[in-house]
Amino acid sequence: MIQIGIIGSGAMGAGIAQVAATAGHQVIVFDTDQNALKRAKVNLESTLKKLVEKQKLTQSQADNIISSTSYANELSQFKDCGLVIEAIVEMLEVKQKLFSELETIVSGQCVLATNTSSLSIASIGSACTKPERVIGIHFFNPAPVMPLVEIIPSLLTDKDVISESKKIIDSWGKTTVLTKDTPGFIVNRVARSYYGEAIRIYEEGMADFATIDWAMKTFGGFKMGPFELMDFIGNDINYKVTESVWTQFFYESRFKPSLTQKRLFEAKLFGRKSGRGYYHYSEGATIPEPNTNKDLGEYIFNRVIAMLINEAVDSFYLKLASRDDLDLAMVKGVNYPKGLLKWADEVGLQNVYNTLDVLYELYNEERYRPCILMKLMIKDNKKFY
């Protein structure tokens, strides 16, 4: 088995390392911060101990994972790796500098992968003399638990690198989907509507956080409402991804961040990890009661699901990914109750179009324009499945 290098020992990097070591690889975790490496080692041992106690791993398996994982503060220790996955700060210049340096250390056959959630793979690869071996391999947090991994080749990524990367990640027991190198890829692009339209409804004073969350769970079957989910993900991460997708799409109005998001970010109200976000998480804090008016709940759900479906249809129209991969990504990546294209068939494209058309007429905003493919499919009475 090839040796795997992981750059970054934070939650994501450490999680990917655990997955790779569990699959039987020798893994090297790199970080410039020695204390961060020590924390990663302690956290891995603690996590594995709990898994053994829950009988999800044997002690022997846990010992093998620990012995297969080493820690480094020199990139030169990656010289024998066959795959290196970067999971550091979401700053293009930092990633480009790292990849440029990596190329001088690893062999010519080593695949260089980035775990970026929204940055351009082509831009990261442009720092390399061999951009054809650069690819996006995007895990979701926590990596050992979340099944989905997006495989994102750039315009220059070699076909063998694509197939080899997919083969490796599949062998780790993950569900892989192939997507184009566009801002946010599948999940972080399509899911913007779940958050953005919910915030818009709140900002207009139609409903509070608890009511919107209740509506999406009650009428849509979502496991978490948009505000619960943003607090769980982290409002720092969610805001920055929204901003990144918006700017990379040349300020497309469908992805526009809100002042509500920005103010929470500025106040460092990141959600669960900071103790407060859209909700309070301190001990004894009370959960607000939603307004359970059926008509209001259905209105909220219909509005948000129409926006989600429209984004999924547009992604399919622009050949971002296959029909099956688009639906699989949303189910496995963010735990949606069903794929949005399948959902479109169930709701009826005409009903989705009507909801968007009413909003478009009301607001006169381009964010509510229905995708051209939706119009064509309605005209020809077609379905996705």
Protein backbone atom coordinates (compact mmCIF):
# COMPACT_ATOMS: atom_id res chain seq x y z
CA MET A 1 0.00 0.00 0.00
CA ILE A 2 1.16 3.53 -0.75
CA GLN A 3 2.24 5.84 2.03
CA ILE A 4 -0.16 8.72 2.70
CA GLY A 5 0.88 12.22 3.74
CA ILE A 6 -1.55 14.55 5.51
CA ILE A 7 -0.75 18.25 5.86
CA GLY A 8 -2.55 19.88 8.78
CA SER A 9 -3.30 18.22 12.12
CA GLY A 10 -6.56 20.04 12.88
CA ALA A 11 -9.91 18.28 13.07
CA MET A 12 -10.10 17.67 9.33
CA GLY A 13 -6.49 16.63 8.75
CA ALA A 14 -6.45 14.35 11.80
CA GLY A 15 -9.76 12.83 10.72
CA ILE A 16 -8.50 12.04 7.21
CA ALA A 17 -5.34 10.54 8.72
CA GLN A 18 -7.47 8.27 10.92
CA VAL A 19 -9.47 7.09 7.89
CA ALA A 20 -6.30 6.34 5.89
CA ALA A 21 -4.60 4.51 8.77
CA THR A 22 -7.76 2.50 9.46
CA ALA A 23 -7.65 1.39 5.80
CA GLY A 24 -4.16 -0.01 6.38
CA HIS A 25 -1.87 2.74 5.07
CA GLN A 26 1.24 4.11 6.70
CA VAL A 27 0.31 7.74 7.38
CA ILE A 28 2.46 10.78 8.12
CA VAL A 29 0.74 13.84 9.62
CA PHE A 30 2.57 17.14 9.17
CA ASP A 31 2.11 20.40 11.01
CA THR A 32 4.38 23.36 11.71
CA ASP A 33 2.89 23.57 15.23
CA GLN A 34 4.45 20.93 17.48
CA ASN A 35 1.73 21.37 20.11
CA ALA A 36 -0.95 20.79 17.46
CA LEU A 37 0.75 17.51 16.52
CA LYS A 38 0.78 16.43 20.16
CA ARG A 39 -2.93 17.26 20.49
CA ALA A 40 -3.68 15.28 17.32
CA LYS A 41 -1.85 12.24 18.72
CA VAL A 42 -3.66 12.45 22.07
CA ASN A 43 -7.03 12.95 20.36
CA LEU A 44 -6.48 9.96 18.07
CA GLU A 45 -5.63 7.70 21.01
CA SER A 46 -8.65 8.96 22.94
CA THR A 47 -10.97 8.44 19.95
CA LEU A 48 -9.71 4.91 19.34
CA LYS A 49 -10.07 4.05 23.03
CA LYS A 50 -13.74 5.03 22.89
CA LEU A 51 -14.27 3.00 19.71
CA VAL A 52 -12.75 -0.05 21.41
CA GLU A 53 -15.00 0.48 24.44
CA LYS A 54 -18.03 0.63 22.14
CA GLN A 55 -16.76 -2.55 20.42
CA LYS A 56 -16.53 -0.81 17.06
CA LEU A 57 -12.82 -1.67 16.92
CA THR A 58 -10.70 -4.38 18.51
CA GLN A 59 -7.73 -3.37 20.64
CA SER A 60 -5.48 -4.92 18.01
CA GLN A 61 -7.02 -2.76 15.27
CA ALA A 62 -6.64 0.35 17.41
CA ASP A 63 -2.99 -0.48 18.11
CA ASN A 64 -2.35 -0.95 14.37
CA ILE A 65 -3.86 2.45 13.57
CA ILE A 66 -1.71 4.14 16.22
CA SER A 67 1.47 2.37 15.07
CA SER A 68 0.68 3.23 11.42
CA THR A 69 0.42 6.96 12.17
CA SER A 70 3.54 9.07 12.58
CA TYR A 71 3.93 12.82 13.04
CA ALA A 72 6.29 15.21 11.29
CA ASN A 73 7.30 18.87 11.34
CA GLU A 74 9.47 18.64 8.24
CA LEU A 75 7.94 18.29 4.76
CA SER A 76 11.04 16.36 3.68
CA GLN A 77 9.57 13.33 5.49
CA PHE A 78 6.96 13.11 2.69
CA LYS A 79 9.55 12.08 0.07
CA ASP A 80 8.23 8.49 -0.19
CA CYS A 81 4.48 9.30 -0.15
CA GLY A 82 2.29 8.23 -3.06
CA LEU A 83 -0.55 10.57 -2.10
CA VAL A 84 -0.43 13.80 -0.10
CA ILE A 85 -3.67 15.46 1.05
CA GLU A 86 -3.54 19.07 2.21
CA ALA A 87 -6.03 20.20 4.87
CA ILE A 88 -4.86 23.63 5.97
CA VAL A 89 -6.28 27.16 6.07
CA GLU A 90 -8.59 28.17 3.18
CA MET A 91 -6.21 30.76 1.70
CA LEU A 92 -5.21 30.33 -1.93
CA GLU A 93 -1.76 31.89 -1.63
CA VAL A 94 -0.85 29.67 1.32
CA LYS A 95 -1.95 26.53 -0.52
CA GLN A 96 -0.10 27.54 -3.70
CA LYS A 97 3.13 28.10 -1.79
CA LEU A 98 2.75 24.72 -0.07
CA PHE A 99 2.11 22.80 -3.31
CA SER A 100 5.04 24.49 -5.01
CA GLU A 101 7.31 23.37 -2.17
CA LEU A 102 5.85 19.86 -2.09
CA GLU A 103 6.75 19.31 -5.73
CA THR A 104 10.44 19.66 -4.89
CA ILE A 105 10.18 16.91 -2.24
CA VAL A 106 7.88 14.13 -3.48
CA SER A 107 8.41 11.81 -6.44
CA GLY A 108 7.08 12.60 -9.91
CA GLN A 109 4.36 9.97 -9.46
CA CYS A 110 3.00 11.31 -6.15
CA VAL A 111 -0.55 12.67 -6.35
CA LEU A 112 -1.02 16.06 -4.71
CA ALA A 113 -4.55 16.59 -3.37
CA THR A 114 -6.29 19.47 -1.67
CA ASN A 115 -9.19 19.14 0.74
CA THR A 116 -10.41 22.66 -0.06
CA SER A 117 -14.17 23.12 0.27
CA SER A 118 -14.56 25.93 -2.25
CA LEU A 119 -11.29 27.17 -3.78
CA SER A 120 -10.32 26.54 -7.40
CA ILE A 121 -8.31 23.35 -7.96
CA ALA A 122 -6.90 24.90 -11.14
CA SER A 123 -5.62 27.90 -9.18
CA ILE A 124 -3.96 25.71 -6.56
CA GLY A 125 -2.43 23.50 -9.26
CA SER A 126 -1.13 26.53 -11.19
CA ALA A 127 1.66 26.84 -8.61
CA CYS A 128 3.05 23.46 -9.74
CA THR A 129 5.23 22.56 -12.71
CA LYS A 130 3.09 19.40 -13.04
CA PRO A 131 -0.49 20.63 -12.46
CA GLU A 132 -1.78 17.44 -14.06
CA ARG A 133 -1.13 15.55 -10.81
CA VAL A 134 -3.11 18.01 -8.65
CA ILE A 135 -6.69 17.09 -7.72
CA GLY A 136 -9.36 18.00 -5.17
CA ILE A 137 -10.32 15.31 -2.65
CA HIS A 138 -12.91 16.98 -0.43
CA PHE A 139 -13.91 15.20 2.78
CA PHE A 140 -16.70 16.34 5.07
CA ASN A 141 -16.30 16.89 8.80
CA PRO A 142 -15.94 14.66 10.79
CA ALA A 143 -14.04 12.69 8.14
CA PRO A 144 -14.17 9.30 9.94
CA VAL A 145 -17.99 9.54 10.18
CA MET A 146 -19.20 11.37 7.07
CA PRO A 147 -19.37 8.98 4.11
CA LEU A 148 -19.12 11.45 1.20
CA VAL A 149 -15.94 12.55 -0.57
CA GLU A 150 -16.04 14.84 -3.61
CA ILE A 151 -13.40 14.10 -6.26
CA ILE A 152 -12.61 17.28 -8.19
CA PRO A 153 -10.23 17.28 -11.15
CA SER A 154 -9.10 20.58 -12.63
CA LEU A 155 -8.98 21.25 -16.37
CA LEU A 156 -5.41 19.90 -16.36
CA THR A 157 -5.72 16.88 -14.04
CA ASP A 158 -4.57 13.67 -15.71
CA LYS A 159 -7.26 11.00 -16.25
CA ASP A 160 -5.10 8.38 -14.50
CA VAL A 161 -4.83 10.66 -11.46
CA ILE A 162 -8.63 10.94 -11.36
CA SER A 163 -9.20 7.18 -11.54
CA GLU A 164 -6.40 6.38 -9.09
CA SER A 165 -7.63 8.95 -6.55
CA LYS A 166 -11.19 7.63 -6.77
CA LYS A 167 -9.95 4.04 -6.43
CA ILE A 168 -7.98 4.89 -3.27
CA ILE A 169 -10.80 6.79 -1.56
CA ASP A 170 -13.34 4.11 -2.52
CA SER A 171 -11.06 1.53 -0.89
CA TRP A 172 -11.29 3.55 2.35
CA GLY A 173 -15.02 2.77 2.47
CA LYS A 174 -16.10 6.22 1.35
CA THR A 175 -18.83 7.19 -1.14
CA THR A 176 -17.21 9.22 -3.92
CA VAL A 177 -18.84 11.59 -6.39
CA LEU A 178 -17.12 13.21 -9.35
CA THR A 179 -17.70 16.92 -9.88
CA LYS A 180 -16.38 19.80 -11.95
CA ASP A 181 -13.97 22.39 -10.59
CA THR A 182 -16.56 25.10 -9.93
CA PRO A 183 -17.00 27.20 -6.75
CA GLY A 184 -18.34 25.10 -3.88
CA PHE A 185 -18.35 21.93 -6.03
CA ILE A 186 -21.66 20.07 -5.45
CA VAL A 187 -22.56 20.25 -1.77
CA ASN A 188 -21.27 23.69 -0.83
CA ARG A 189 -22.81 25.16 -3.96
CA VAL A 190 -26.27 23.59 -3.85
CA ALA A 191 -26.64 23.87 -0.06
CA ARG A 192 -26.16 27.67 -0.11
CA SER A 193 -29.91 28.02 -0.74
CA TYR A 194 -30.78 26.07 2.43
CA TYR A 195 -29.04 28.71 4.49
CA GLY A 196 -29.45 31.81 2.32
CA GLU A 197 -33.21 31.61 1.79
CA ALA A 198 -33.82 30.72 5.44
CA ILE A 199 -31.88 33.82 6.51
CA ARG A 200 -33.79 35.93 3.97
CA ILE A 201 -37.11 34.74 5.47
CA TYR A 202 -35.82 35.62 8.97
CA GLU A 203 -34.51 39.04 7.93
CA GLU A 204 -37.88 39.93 6.44
CA GLY A 205 -39.50 39.24 9.80
CA MET A 206 -41.68 36.38 8.59
CA ALA A 207 -40.41 33.88 11.16
CA ASP A 208 -37.72 33.41 13.79
CA PHE A 209 -34.91 30.84 13.77
CA ALA A 210 -36.84 28.22 15.73
CA THR A 211 -39.90 28.47 13.49
CA ILE A 212 -37.88 28.16 10.27
CA ASP A 213 -35.98 25.17 11.66
CA TRP A 214 -39.28 23.58 12.77
CA ALA A 215 -40.80 24.09 9.31
CA MET A 216 -37.92 22.43 7.46
CA LYS A 217 -37.86 19.46 9.84
CA THR A 218 -41.64 19.04 10.00
CA PHE A 219 -42.59 19.53 6.35
CA GLY A 220 -39.31 18.54 4.71
CA GLY A 221 -38.05 15.79 6.99
CA PHE A 222 -34.63 17.43 7.36
CA LYS A 223 -32.69 16.14 10.38
CA MET A 224 -31.54 19.64 11.26
CA GLY A 225 -33.03 23.01 10.39
CA PRO A 226 -30.80 25.55 8.58
CA PHE A 227 -29.95 27.57 11.72
CA GLU A 228 -29.25 24.46 13.80
CA LEU A 229 -27.04 23.19 11.00
CA MET A 230 -25.14 26.46 10.59
CA ASP A 231 -24.45 26.49 14.34
CA PHE A 232 -23.28 22.87 14.12
CA ILE A 233 -20.97 23.49 11.14
CA GLY A 234 -19.69 26.76 12.58
CA ASN A 235 -20.80 30.21 11.46
CA ASP A 236 -17.21 31.18 10.76
CA ILE A 237 -16.86 28.33 8.26
CA ASN A 238 -20.33 28.77 6.79
CA TYR A 239 -19.94 32.50 6.25
CA LYS A 240 -16.50 32.18 4.65
CA VAL A 241 -17.68 29.43 2.28
CA THR A 242 -20.72 31.54 1.31
CA GLU A 243 -18.49 34.56 0.67
CA SER A 244 -16.03 32.46 -1.34
CA VAL A 245 -18.71 30.89 -3.55
CA TRP A 246 -20.39 34.29 -4.10
CA THR A 247 -17.22 36.11 -5.14
CA GLN A 248 -16.00 33.24 -7.35
CA PHE A 249 -19.34 33.20 -9.16
CA PHE A 250 -18.83 36.89 -10.04
CA TYR A 251 -21.29 38.04 -7.37
CA GLU A 252 -24.20 35.89 -8.53
CA SER A 253 -27.20 37.00 -6.43
CA ARG A 254 -28.27 33.42 -5.53
CA PHE A 255 -25.14 33.04 -3.41
CA LYS A 256 -25.02 36.49 -1.84
CA PRO A 257 -24.11 36.40 1.89
CA SER A 258 -26.32 38.23 4.37
CA LEU A 259 -25.55 40.88 6.97
CA THR A 260 -26.98 38.51 9.58
CA GLN A 261 -24.26 35.98 8.74
CA LYS A 262 -21.58 38.66 8.63
CA ARG A 263 -22.48 40.15 12.00
CA LEU A 264 -22.45 36.74 13.71
CA PHE A 265 -19.04 36.10 12.14
CA GLU A 266 -17.71 39.48 13.28
CA ALA A 267 -19.03 38.94 16.81
CA LYS A 268 -17.38 35.48 16.86
CA LEU A 269 -20.73 33.83 17.52
CA PHE A 270 -19.67 30.69 15.69
CA GLY A 271 -22.32 28.35 17.07
CA ARG A 272 -21.88 25.27 19.23
CA LYS A 273 -18.09 25.54 19.42
CA SER A 274 -18.24 29.10 20.79
CA GLY A 275 -21.27 28.54 23.02
CA ARG A 276 -23.53 30.85 21.04
CA GLY A 277 -24.64 31.36 17.45
CA TYR A 278 -28.18 31.60 16.23
CA TYR A 279 -29.01 29.80 19.49
CA HIS A 280 -27.47 29.80 22.98
CA TYR A 281 -25.66 26.62 24.06
CA SER A 282 -24.65 27.51 27.61
CA GLU A 283 -25.83 25.28 30.43
CA GLY A 284 -29.43 26.04 31.31
CA ALA A 285 -30.13 27.96 28.10
CA THR A 286 -33.71 27.52 26.90
CA ILE A 287 -34.61 26.53 23.34
CA PRO A 288 -37.10 29.01 21.84
CA GLU A 289 -40.54 27.64 21.02
CA PRO A 290 -41.48 27.79 17.31
CA ASN A 291 -44.66 29.18 15.86
CA THR A 292 -46.31 25.97 14.64
CA ASN A 293 -48.79 27.61 12.30
CA LYS A 294 -49.28 25.09 9.47
CA ASP A 295 -49.74 27.63 6.68
CA LEU A 296 -46.60 29.52 7.70
CA GLY A 297 -44.61 26.28 8.00
CA GLU A 298 -45.65 25.10 4.56
CA TYR A 299 -44.85 28.49 3.04
CA ILE A 300 -41.33 28.42 4.52
CA PHE A 301 -40.71 24.86 3.36
CA ASN A 302 -42.04 25.44 -0.17
CA ARG A 303 -39.91 28.55 -0.57
CA VAL A 304 -36.66 26.98 0.63
CA ILE A 305 -37.13 23.65 -1.20
CA ALA A 306 -37.90 25.51 -4.45
CA MET A 307 -34.61 27.36 -4.18
CA LEU A 308 -32.70 24.16 -3.39
CA ILE A 309 -34.26 22.29 -6.30
CA ASN A 310 -33.61 25.18 -8.67
CA GLU A 311 -29.91 25.15 -7.74
CA ALA A 312 -29.69 21.38 -8.21
CA VAL A 313 -31.44 21.61 -11.59
CA ASP A 314 -29.07 24.40 -12.66
CA SER A 315 -26.07 22.33 -11.58
CA PHE A 316 -27.32 19.42 -13.67
CA TYR A 317 -28.02 21.73 -16.62
CA LEU A 318 -24.43 23.03 -16.46
CA LYS A 319 -23.11 19.44 -16.24
CA LEU A 320 -21.51 19.97 -12.85
CA ALA A 321 -22.04 16.26 -12.13
CA SER A 322 -24.24 13.35 -13.15
CA ARG A 323 -27.85 13.12 -11.98
CA ASP A 324 -27.02 10.29 -9.58
CA ASP A 325 -23.92 11.98 -8.17
CA LEU A 326 -25.81 15.24 -7.61
CA ASP A 327 -28.49 13.47 -5.59
CA LEU A 328 -26.05 11.16 -3.81
CA ALA A 329 -23.89 14.12 -2.74
CA MET A 330 -26.73 15.89 -0.95
CA VAL A 331 -27.91 12.73 0.82
CA LYS A 332 -24.46 11.55 1.92
CA GLY A 333 -22.78 14.94 2.32
CA VAL A 334 -25.38 16.91 4.31
CA ASN A 335 -27.93 14.24 5.29
CA TYR A 336 -30.78 15.54 3.15
CA PRO A 337 -33.82 13.20 3.31
CA LYS A 338 -33.59 12.58 -0.45
CA GLY A 339 -31.79 13.81 -3.54
CA LEU A 340 -33.07 17.13 -4.85
CA LEU A 341 -33.64 15.94 -8.43
CA LYS A 342 -35.69 13.02 -7.13
CA TRP A 343 -37.47 15.49 -4.87
CA ALA A 344 -38.17 17.69 -7.90
CA ASP A 345 -40.03 14.81 -9.55
CA GLU A 346 -42.08 14.23 -6.39
CA VAL A 347 -42.98 17.88 -5.80
CA GLY A 348 -43.51 18.49 -9.51
CA LEU A 349 -41.39 20.86 -11.56
CA GLN A 350 -44.46 22.95 -12.40
CA ASN A 351 -45.08 23.52 -8.66
CA VAL A 352 -41.45 24.49 -8.10
CA TYR A 353 -41.57 26.82 -11.09
CA ASN A 354 -44.78 28.44 -9.81
CA THR A 355 -43.22 29.11 -6.39
CA LEU A 356 -40.15 30.70 -7.96
CA ASP A 357 -42.23 32.69 -10.44
CA VAL A 358 -44.31 34.23 -7.65
CA LEU A 359 -41.12 35.18 -5.76
CA TYR A 360 -39.55 36.57 -8.94
CA GLU A 361 -42.59 38.74 -9.63
CA LEU A 362 -42.74 39.89 -6.01
CA TYR A 363 -39.07 40.77 -5.52
CA ASN A 364 -37.89 41.44 -9.09
CA GLU A 365 -34.60 39.80 -8.11
CA GLU A 366 -32.53 37.54 -10.32
CA ARG A 367 -31.95 35.14 -7.41
CA TYR A 368 -35.46 33.76 -8.00
CA ARG A 369 -35.21 33.17 -11.75
CA PRO A 370 -36.06 29.54 -12.63
CA CYS A 371 -33.37 27.52 -14.42
CA ILE A 372 -33.89 27.25 -18.19
CA LEU A 373 -33.75 23.44 -17.94
CA MET A 374 -36.76 23.51 -15.61
CA LYS A 375 -38.74 25.47 -18.19
CA LEU A 376 -37.76 23.09 -21.00
CA MET A 377 -38.59 19.99 -18.96
CA ILE A 378 -42.01 21.38 -18.00
CA LYS A 379 -42.69 22.19 -21.67
CA ASP A 380 -41.81 18.62 -22.71
CA ASN A 381 -43.44 17.03 -19.63
CA LYS A 382 -40.15 15.37 -18.61
CA LYS A 383 -38.88 14.05 -15.27
CA PHE A 384 -35.39 13.34 -13.97
CA TYR A 385 -36.18 9.72 -13.09
